[in-house]
Amino acid sequence: MAEPELAPAPASAPPNRLPLLVLIAVLLAAGLAALAWLDSRNRINSTQEELARRLREIESDSREARTVSRQAQEALREAQVKVAQLENRLAESQSQQLALEALYQDLSRNRDEWQLAEIEQVLAIASQQLQLARNVRAALLALQLAESRLSRSDRPQFAPIRRALARDIERLKAAPVVDFPSVANRIDNLIASVDALPLAFEERTERTTPAAKDAATGAERSFVSRLGAEVWSELSQLVVVRKMGPAEPPLLPPTQAYFVRENLRLRLLNARACLLSRDEAGYREDLRASLTWVQRYFDPRSKQTADALAQLKQLSAVSITFDMPAITESLEAVRGYKSRRERSPG
């Protein structure tokens, strides 16, 4: 096998380029490093600027936040002050309200006590009118007045008292009504008219007087006849002879006529006293005796006597005794309410 032929050596060796390449590489690396450094520096600067800008913004926001916080704190303090003032005012208002409620309760309690005391007094007077004067009308008016005052107040706690008043009012309305003061006044009027009643005998005597005068007038025809008529007239006045039947009134001298009137007046006064004491037996007996005396001794044809007889008959028909109702239920209701109110703490 033939050996290869060696290439002929060059005529001159070329210069060494390695250092140049190394230098170029170093320069390039340095340039790249410088570029990288510049880029990094720019980035760092931009980052610092951005950071500074952000810090400034944060600081500005912080200042604004502090300002807002201070304002909020001031507003909070003002709100707390206002709340404290409102709380004080509320406390004052509550205390005033409590004081007003206590005052109202005291006033209401006093007003109720005054009203109940007044009603109790009215009922006590009505009870006295029933027990002493037996005046049902006055007691009924008193109970109606008490019920009217309680109805105007419209307090629910007065309902039991109003119910008791209503029951007593119904009992008084069902009771017979006798106007005792009116009956007493009618008896007083009869007593005052006793002196004006004409006696029956006086009336008959007056009716005989014109006949005697006619006889005297007819006797004037002559002196003798006139003298005789005068004598006869005088004698006829001295002595009167009459035929007295059972219906004729008795002859009464002036003194006896006076005593008849006085006895009649005393009978009527006794009837009035029996009326006030509610003695019906004595009342009727005195009126019966008065009626008999008026019919016997006084002229029944005169208007005064006829009026007196009519009044006596009407008064005799009045019944003055009956079971008088009581109003103890109303009085007990008022007094019981007052005692319970006094025992209650509030």
Foldseek 3Di string as FASTA:
>chain_A
DDDDDDDDDDPDDDDDCVVVVVVVVVVVVVVVVVVVVVVVVVVVVVVVVVVVVVVVVVVVVVVVVVVVVVVVVVVVVVVVVVVVVVVVVVVVVVVVVVVVVVVVVVVVVVVVVVLLVVLLVLQVVLQCCCVQVVQLVSSLVSLVVNLVVVVVVVDVVCVQLNVLSVVLNVVSVPDDGDPLVVLLVLLVVLLVCLVVFAWQVVVVVVVCVVVLVVCLVVQPPDPVSNVVSVVVSVVCVVDPDDDDDPLHADDDDPVRVVVLSVVLSVLSVQLSVCLSVLVLVSNLVSLVVSLVSLSRTTDCPDPSSVVSNVSSVVSNPDRRDDDGDGSVSSSCVSVVVVVVVVPDPD
